[in-house]
Amino acid sequence: MTRIANLFLDHPRSVEESYLGHARFALWFAGRLALAAGAALCHAVLPFACKTTASRIIAELYTRTQNRGAAQTGH
């Protein structure tokens, strides 16, 4: 395999995913982060709105990534 291919494939393989599967998860994750950022921005301007939305999304992302890693390592 070429050096450039390794740049794209080493990490997804290390977490037992295909390139496209890894990209799909990363894009989903980025979308959730953007949603959390929007909720935090809304809360900054309107403190009565989105009181727990950003922290709830961050907790969800943490849980998803922790469970994802445990499932892949067999823990």
PDB file of N, CA and C in Angstrom:
ATOM      1  N   MET A   1       0.853  -1.182   0.000  1.00  0.00           N
ATOM      2  CA  MET A   1       0.000   0.000   0.000  1.00  0.00           C
ATOM      3  C   MET A   1       0.894   1.239   0.000  1.00  0.00           C
ATOM      4  N   THR A   2       0.439   2.253  -0.652  1.00  0.00           N
ATOM      5  CA  THR A   2       1.254   3.456  -0.745  1.00  0.00           C
ATOM      6  C   THR A   2       1.209   4.248   0.555  1.00  0.00           C
ATOM      7  N   ARG A   3       2.166   5.094   0.693  1.00  0.00           N
ATOM      8  CA  ARG A   3       2.264   5.946   1.884  1.00  0.00           C
ATOM      9  C   ARG A   3       1.035   6.843   2.019  1.00  0.00           C
ATOM     10  N   ILE A   4       0.548   7.379   0.918  1.00  0.00           N
ATOM     11  CA  ILE A   4      -0.635   8.259   0.953  1.00  0.00           C
ATOM     12  C   ILE A   4      -1.863   7.470   1.367  1.00  0.00           C
ATOM     13  N   ALA A   5      -2.033   6.273   0.852  1.00  0.00           N
ATOM     14  CA  ALA A   5      -3.171   5.442   1.252  1.00  0.00           C
ATOM     15  C   ALA A   5      -3.125   5.162   2.744  1.00  0.00           C
ATOM     16  N   ASN A   6      -1.945   4.925   3.282  1.00  0.00           N
ATOM     17  CA  ASN A   6      -1.804   4.692   4.718  1.00  0.00           C
ATOM     18  C   ASN A   6      -2.269   5.891   5.535  1.00  0.00           C
ATOM     19  N   LEU A   7      -2.012   7.086   5.042  1.00  0.00           N
ATOM     20  CA  LEU A   7      -2.464   8.296   5.748  1.00  0.00           C
ATOM     21  C   LEU A   7      -3.977   8.294   5.931  1.00  0.00           C
ATOM     22  N   PHE A   8      -4.685   7.802   4.930  1.00  0.00           N
ATOM     23  CA  PHE A   8      -6.145   7.792   4.975  1.00  0.00           C
ATOM     24  C   PHE A   8      -6.727   6.564   5.668  1.00  0.00           C
ATOM     25  N   LEU A   9      -5.990   5.484   5.697  1.00  0.00           N
ATOM     26  CA  LEU A   9      -6.564   4.222   6.161  1.00  0.00           C
ATOM     27  C   LEU A   9      -6.055   3.728   7.511  1.00  0.00           C
ATOM     28  N   ASP A  10      -4.898   4.172   7.959  1.00  0.00           N
ATOM     29  CA  ASP A  10      -4.333   3.652   9.210  1.00  0.00           C
ATOM     30  C   ASP A  10      -5.253   3.886  10.410  1.00  0.00           C
ATOM     31  N   HIS A  11      -5.703   5.106  10.591  1.00  0.00           N
ATOM     32  CA  HIS A  11      -6.548   5.382  11.765  1.00  0.00           C
ATOM     33  C   HIS A  11      -7.889   4.655  11.697  1.00  0.00           C
ATOM     34  N   PRO A  12      -8.643   4.738  10.596  1.00  0.00           N
ATOM     35  CA  PRO A  12      -9.904   3.981  10.562  1.00  0.00           C
ATOM     36  C   PRO A  12      -9.701   2.492  10.860  1.00  0.00           C
ATOM     37  N   ARG A  13      -8.649   1.907  10.336  1.00  0.00           N
ATOM     38  CA  ARG A  13      -8.382   0.489  10.616  1.00  0.00           C
ATOM     39  C   ARG A  13      -8.055   0.262  12.081  1.00  0.00           C
ATOM     40  N   SER A  14      -7.377   1.228  12.708  1.00  0.00           N
ATOM     41  CA  SER A  14      -6.999   1.066  14.113  1.00  0.00           C
ATOM     42  C   SER A  14      -8.220   1.051  15.030  1.00  0.00           C
ATOM     43  N   VAL A  15      -9.336   1.604  14.554  1.00  0.00           N
ATOM     44  CA  VAL A  15     -10.587   1.574  15.322  1.00  0.00           C
ATOM     45  C   VAL A  15     -11.600   0.627  14.677  1.00  0.00           C
ATOM     46  N   GLU A  16     -11.058  -0.260  13.822  1.00  0.00           N
ATOM     47  CA  GLU A  16     -11.851  -1.311  13.181  1.00  0.00           C
ATOM     48  C   GLU A  16     -13.031  -0.777  12.375  1.00  0.00           C
ATOM     49  N   GLU A  17     -12.755   0.229  11.558  1.00  0.00           N
ATOM     50  CA  GLU A  17     -13.775   0.800  10.668  1.00  0.00           C
ATOM     51  C   GLU A  17     -13.207   0.933   9.263  1.00  0.00           C
ATOM     52  N   SER A  18     -14.123   1.002   8.319  1.00  0.00           N
ATOM     53  CA  SER A  18     -13.714   1.328   6.957  1.00  0.00           C
ATOM     54  C   SER A  18     -13.518   2.840   6.886  1.00  0.00           C
ATOM     55  N   TYR A  19     -12.899   3.286   5.818  1.00  0.00           N
ATOM     56  CA  TYR A  19     -12.723   4.729   5.624  1.00  0.00           C
ATOM     57  C   TYR A  19     -14.082   5.427   5.615  1.00  0.00           C
ATOM     58  N   LEU A  20     -15.034   4.882   4.842  1.00  0.00           N
ATOM     59  CA  LEU A  20     -16.348   5.525   4.741  1.00  0.00           C
ATOM     60  C   LEU A  20     -17.133   5.442   6.048  1.00  0.00           C
ATOM     61  N   GLY A  21     -17.025   4.325   6.751  1.00  0.00           N
ATOM     62  CA  GLY A  21     -17.694   4.208   8.038  1.00  0.00           C
ATOM     63  C   GLY A  21     -17.146   5.213   9.037  1.00  0.00           C
ATOM     64  N   HIS A  22     -15.833   5.381   9.035  1.00  0.00           N
ATOM     65  CA  HIS A  22     -15.209   6.348   9.927  1.00  0.00           C
ATOM     66  C   HIS A  22     -15.611   7.777   9.545  1.00  0.00           C
ATOM     67  N   ALA A  23     -15.628   8.050   8.263  1.00  0.00           N
ATOM     68  CA  ALA A  23     -16.027   9.382   7.792  1.00  0.00           C
ATOM     69  C   ALA A  23     -17.474   9.674   8.169  1.00  0.00           C
ATOM     70  N   ARG A  24     -18.342   8.697   8.029  1.00  0.00           N
ATOM     71  CA  ARG A  24     -19.752   8.874   8.373  1.00  0.00           C
ATOM     72  C   ARG A  24     -19.900   9.215   9.859  1.00  0.00           C
ATOM     73  N   PHE A  25     -19.198   8.478  10.730  1.00  0.00           N
ATOM     74  CA  PHE A  25     -19.276   8.750  12.164  1.00  0.00           C
ATOM     75  C   PHE A  25     -18.704  10.130  12.479  1.00  0.00           C
ATOM     76  N   ALA A  26     -17.574  10.480  11.881  1.00  0.00           N
ATOM     77  CA  ALA A  26     -16.951  11.780  12.134  1.00  0.00           C
ATOM     78  C   ALA A  26     -17.847  12.928  11.683  1.00  0.00           C
ATOM     79  N   LEU A  27     -18.535  12.759  10.560  1.00  0.00           N
ATOM     80  CA  LEU A  27     -19.455  13.802  10.089  1.00  0.00           C
ATOM     81  C   LEU A  27     -20.667  13.922  11.010  1.00  0.00           C
ATOM     82  N   TRP A  28     -21.196  12.788  11.477  1.00  0.00           N
ATOM     83  CA  TRP A  28     -22.297  12.815  12.442  1.00  0.00           C
ATOM     84  C   TRP A  28     -21.851  13.538  13.710  1.00  0.00           C
ATOM     85  N   PHE A  29     -20.653  13.200  14.185  1.00  0.00           N
ATOM     86  CA  PHE A  29     -20.094  13.805  15.396  1.00  0.00           C
ATOM     87  C   PHE A  29     -19.948  15.316  15.211  1.00  0.00           C
ATOM     88  N   ALA A  30     -19.431  15.743  14.070  1.00  0.00           N
ATOM     89  CA  ALA A  30     -19.264  17.170  13.780  1.00  0.00           C
ATOM     90  C   ALA A  30     -20.612  17.888  13.769  1.00  0.00           C
ATOM     91  N   GLY A  31     -21.622  17.241  13.218  1.00  0.00           N
ATOM     92  CA  GLY A  31     -22.957  17.839  13.203  1.00  0.00           C
ATOM     93  C   GLY A  31     -23.514  18.028  14.601  1.00  0.00           C
ATOM     94  N   ARG A  32     -23.307  17.033  15.463  1.00  0.00           N
ATOM     95  CA  ARG A  32     -23.763  17.144  16.858  1.00  0.00           C
ATOM     96  C   ARG A  32     -23.005  18.241  17.592  1.00  0.00           C
ATOM     97  N   LEU A  33     -21.694  18.375  17.311  1.00  0.00           N
ATOM     98  CA  LEU A  33     -20.913  19.445  17.928  1.00  0.00           C
ATOM     99  C   LEU A  33     -21.409  20.817  17.463  1.00  0.00           C
ATOM    100  N   ALA A  34     -21.737  20.929  16.188  1.00  0.00           N
ATOM    101  CA  ALA A  34     -22.262  22.192  15.659  1.00  0.00           C
ATOM    102  C   ALA A  34     -23.597  22.534  16.324  1.00  0.00           C
ATOM    103  N   LEU A  35     -24.424  21.527  16.521  1.00  0.00           N
ATOM    104  CA  LEU A  35     -25.698  21.741  17.202  1.00  0.00           C
ATOM    105  C   LEU A  35     -25.466  22.201  18.642  1.00  0.00           C
ATOM    106  N   ALA A  36     -24.512  21.580  19.329  1.00  0.00           N
ATOM    107  CA  ALA A  36     -24.190  21.984  20.700  1.00  0.00           C
ATOM    108  C   ALA A  36     -23.658  23.419  20.729  1.00  0.00           C
ATOM    109  N   ALA A  37     -22.815  23.761  19.775  1.00  0.00           N
ATOM    110  CA  ALA A  37     -22.283  25.125  19.701  1.00  0.00           C
ATOM    111  C   ALA A  37     -23.406  26.135  19.469  1.00  0.00           C
ATOM    112  N   GLY A  38     -24.341  25.800  18.595  1.00  0.00           N
ATOM    113  CA  GLY A  38     -25.484  26.688  18.345  1.00  0.00           C
ATOM    114  C   GLY A  38     -26.338  26.864  19.589  1.00  0.00           C
ATOM    115  N   ALA A  39     -26.552  25.777  20.317  1.00  0.00           N
ATOM    116  CA  ALA A  39     -27.335  25.859  21.552  1.00  0.00           C
ATOM    117  C   ALA A  39     -26.623  26.714  22.589  1.00  0.00           C
ATOM    118  N   ALA A  40     -25.301  26.568  22.698  1.00  0.00           N
ATOM    119  CA  ALA A  40     -24.532  27.377  23.648  1.00  0.00           C
ATOM    120  C   ALA A  40     -24.578  28.857  23.268  1.00  0.00           C
ATOM    121  N   LEU A  41     -24.492  29.134  21.983  1.00  0.00           N
ATOM    122  CA  LEU A  41     -24.582  30.519  21.512  1.00  0.00           C
ATOM    123  C   LEU A  41     -25.958  31.100  21.817  1.00  0.00           C
ATOM    124  N   CYS A  42     -26.994  30.335  21.555  1.00  0.00           N
ATOM    125  CA  CYS A  42     -28.360  30.763  21.862  1.00  0.00           C
ATOM    126  C   CYS A  42     -28.501  31.039  23.359  1.00  0.00           C
ATOM    127  N   HIS A  43     -27.962  30.154  24.180  1.00  0.00           N
ATOM    128  CA  HIS A  43     -28.039  30.312  25.631  1.00  0.00           C
ATOM    129  C   HIS A  43     -27.259  31.538  26.103  1.00  0.00           C
ATOM    130  N   ALA A  44     -26.163  31.864  25.429  1.00  0.00           N
ATOM    131  CA  ALA A  44     -25.380  33.046  25.795  1.00  0.00           C
ATOM    132  C   ALA A  44     -26.190  34.327  25.625  1.00  0.00           C
ATOM    133  N   VAL A  45     -27.012  34.360  24.594  1.00  0.00           N
ATOM    134  CA  VAL A  45     -27.817  35.553  24.311  1.00  0.00           C
ATOM    135  C   VAL A  45     -29.138  35.518  25.066  1.00  0.00           C
ATOM    136  N   LEU A  46     -29.721  34.338  25.149  1.00  0.00           N
ATOM    137  CA  LEU A  46     -31.016  34.152  25.811  1.00  0.00           C
ATOM    138  C   LEU A  46     -30.837  33.120  26.930  1.00  0.00           C
ATOM    139  N   PRO A  47     -30.413  33.546  28.118  1.00  0.00           N
ATOM    140  CA  PRO A  47     -30.060  32.603  29.177  1.00  0.00           C
ATOM    141  C   PRO A  47     -31.177  31.662  29.608  1.00  0.00           C
ATOM    142  N   PHE A  48     -32.395  31.993  29.284  1.00  0.00           N
ATOM    143  CA  PHE A  48     -33.534  31.135  29.636  1.00  0.00           C
ATOM    144  C   PHE A  48     -33.742  30.020  28.619  1.00  0.00           C
ATOM    145  N   ALA A  49     -33.054  30.095  27.489  1.00  0.00           N
ATOM    146  CA  ALA A  49     -33.221  29.105  26.411  1.00  0.00           C
ATOM    147  C   ALA A  49     -32.061  28.111  26.403  1.00  0.00           C
ATOM    148  N   CYS A  50     -32.337  26.919  25.979  1.00  0.00           N
ATOM    149  CA  CYS A  50     -31.312  25.878  25.777  1.00  0.00           C
ATOM    150  C   CYS A  50     -30.416  25.713  27.006  1.00  0.00           C
ATOM    151  N   LYS A  51     -31.019  25.658  28.176  1.00  0.00           N
ATOM    152  CA  LYS A  51     -30.247  25.613  29.422  1.00  0.00           C
ATOM    153  C   LYS A  51     -29.333  24.398  29.520  1.00  0.00           C
ATOM    154  N   THR A  52     -29.776  23.263  29.058  1.00  0.00           N
ATOM    155  CA  THR A  52     -28.967  22.041  29.198  1.00  0.00           C
ATOM    156  C   THR A  52     -28.653  21.367  27.861  1.00  0.00           C
ATOM    157  N   THR A  53     -29.048  21.977  26.779  1.00  0.00           N
ATOM    158  CA  THR A  53     -28.905  21.329  25.468  1.00  0.00           C
ATOM    159  C   THR A  53     -27.450  21.022  25.125  1.00  0.00           C
ATOM    160  N   ALA A  54     -26.574  22.005  25.231  1.00  0.00           N
ATOM    161  CA  ALA A  54     -25.170  21.797  24.856  1.00  0.00           C
ATOM    162  C   ALA A  54     -24.522  20.734  25.743  1.00  0.00           C
ATOM    163  N   SER A  55     -24.719  20.825  27.051  1.00  0.00           N
ATOM    164  CA  SER A  55     -24.090  19.843  27.942  1.00  0.00           C
ATOM    165  C   SER A  55     -24.672  18.452  27.736  1.00  0.00           C
ATOM    166  N   ARG A  56     -25.957  18.359  27.421  1.00  0.00           N
ATOM    167  CA  ARG A  56     -26.579  17.065  27.157  1.00  0.00           C
ATOM    168  C   ARG A  56     -25.985  16.427  25.891  1.00  0.00           C
ATOM    169  N   ILE A  57     -25.774  17.241  24.863  1.00  0.00           N
ATOM    170  CA  ILE A  57     -25.185  16.731  23.618  1.00  0.00           C
ATOM    171  C   ILE A  57     -23.748  16.281  23.855  1.00  0.00           C
ATOM    172  N   ILE A  58     -22.987  17.063  24.601  1.00  0.00           N
ATOM    173  CA  ILE A  58     -21.594  16.696  24.889  1.00  0.00           C
ATOM    174  C   ILE A  58     -21.549  15.390  25.674  1.00  0.00           C
ATOM    175  N   ALA A  59     -22.442  15.230  26.646  1.00  0.00           N
ATOM    176  CA  ALA A  59     -22.494  13.981  27.418  1.00  0.00           C
ATOM    177  C   ALA A  59     -22.841  12.808  26.507  1.00  0.00           C
ATOM    178  N   GLU A  60     -23.764  13.026  25.577  1.00  0.00           N
ATOM    179  CA  GLU A  60     -24.134  11.978  24.617  1.00  0.00           C
ATOM    180  C   GLU A  60     -22.932  11.585  23.761  1.00  0.00           C
ATOM    181  N   LEU A  61     -22.192  12.577  23.288  1.00  0.00           N
ATOM    182  CA  LEU A  61     -21.029  12.294  22.448  1.00  0.00           C
ATOM    183  C   LEU A  61     -19.968  11.534  23.236  1.00  0.00           C
ATOM    184  N   TYR A  62     -19.751  11.926  24.471  1.00  0.00           N
ATOM    185  CA  TYR A  62     -18.776  11.231  25.314  1.00  0.00           C
ATOM    186  C   TYR A  62     -19.187   9.763  25.486  1.00  0.00           C
ATOM    187  N   THR A  63     -20.447   9.544  25.816  1.00  0.00           N
ATOM    188  CA  THR A  63     -20.948   8.179  26.007  1.00  0.00           C
ATOM    189  C   THR A  63     -20.811   7.371  24.725  1.00  0.00           C
ATOM    190  N   ARG A  64     -21.189   7.969  23.603  1.00  0.00           N
ATOM    191  CA  ARG A  64     -21.090   7.248  22.325  1.00  0.00           C
ATOM    192  C   ARG A  64     -19.661   6.860  21.992  1.00  0.00           C
ATOM    193  N   THR A  65     -18.708   7.776  22.226  1.00  0.00           N
ATOM    194  CA  THR A  65     -17.327   7.458  21.891  1.00  0.00           C
ATOM    195  C   THR A  65     -16.744   6.450  22.877  1.00  0.00           C
ATOM    196  N   GLN A  66     -17.100   6.528  24.149  1.00  0.00           N
ATOM    197  CA  GLN A  66     -16.606   5.567  25.128  1.00  0.00           C
ATOM    198  C   GLN A  66     -17.157   4.173  24.835  1.00  0.00           C
ATOM    199  N   ASN A  67     -18.443   4.076  24.577  1.00  0.00           N
ATOM    200  CA  ASN A  67     -19.066   2.780  24.266  1.00  0.00           C
ATOM    201  C   ASN A  67     -18.540   2.221  22.956  1.00  0.00           C
ATOM    202  N   ARG A  68     -18.286   3.082  22.013  1.00  0.00           N
ATOM    203  CA  ARG A  68     -17.782   2.670  20.704  1.00  0.00           C
ATOM    204  C   ARG A  68     -16.404   2.054  20.863  1.00  0.00           C
ATOM    205  N   GLY A  69     -15.554   2.694  21.649  1.00  0.00           N
ATOM    206  CA  GLY A  69     -14.216   2.167  21.878  1.00  0.00           C
ATOM    207  C   GLY A  69     -14.249   0.858  22.641  1.00  0.00           C
ATOM    208  N   ALA A  70     -15.125   0.754  23.633  1.00  0.00           N
ATOM    209  CA  ALA A  70     -15.227  -0.472  24.437  1.00  0.00           C
ATOM    210  C   ALA A  70     -15.737  -1.628  23.591  1.00  0.00           C
ATOM    211  N   ALA A  71     -16.684  -1.340  22.708  1.00  0.00           N
ATOM    212  CA  ALA A  71     -17.244  -2.390  21.842  1.00  0.00           C
ATOM    213  C   ALA A  71     -16.167  -2.923  20.893  1.00  0.00           C
ATOM    214  N   GLN A  72     -15.286  -2.053  20.453  1.00  0.00           N
ATOM    215  CA  GLN A  72     -14.274  -2.472  19.502  1.00  0.00           C
ATOM    216  C   GLN A  72     -13.130  -3.213  20.163  1.00  0.00           C
ATOM    217  N   THR A  73     -12.875  -2.950  21.440  1.00  0.00           N
ATOM    218  CA  THR A  73     -11.769  -3.631  22.109  1.00  0.00           C
ATOM    219  C   THR A  73     -12.243  -4.833  22.906  1.00  0.00           C
ATOM    220  N   GLY A  74     -13.570  -5.031  22.970  1.00  0.00           N
ATOM    221  CA  GLY A  74     -14.112  -6.166  23.676  1.00  0.00           C
ATOM    222  C   GLY A  74     -14.280  -5.957  25.172  1.00  0.00           C
ATOM    223  N   HIS A  75     -14.179  -4.715  25.645  1.00  0.00           N
ATOM    224  CA  HIS A  75     -14.346  -4.418  27.079  1.00  0.00           C
ATOM    225  C   HIS A  75     -15.772  -4.094  27.415  1.00  0.00           C
TER     226      HIS A  75
END
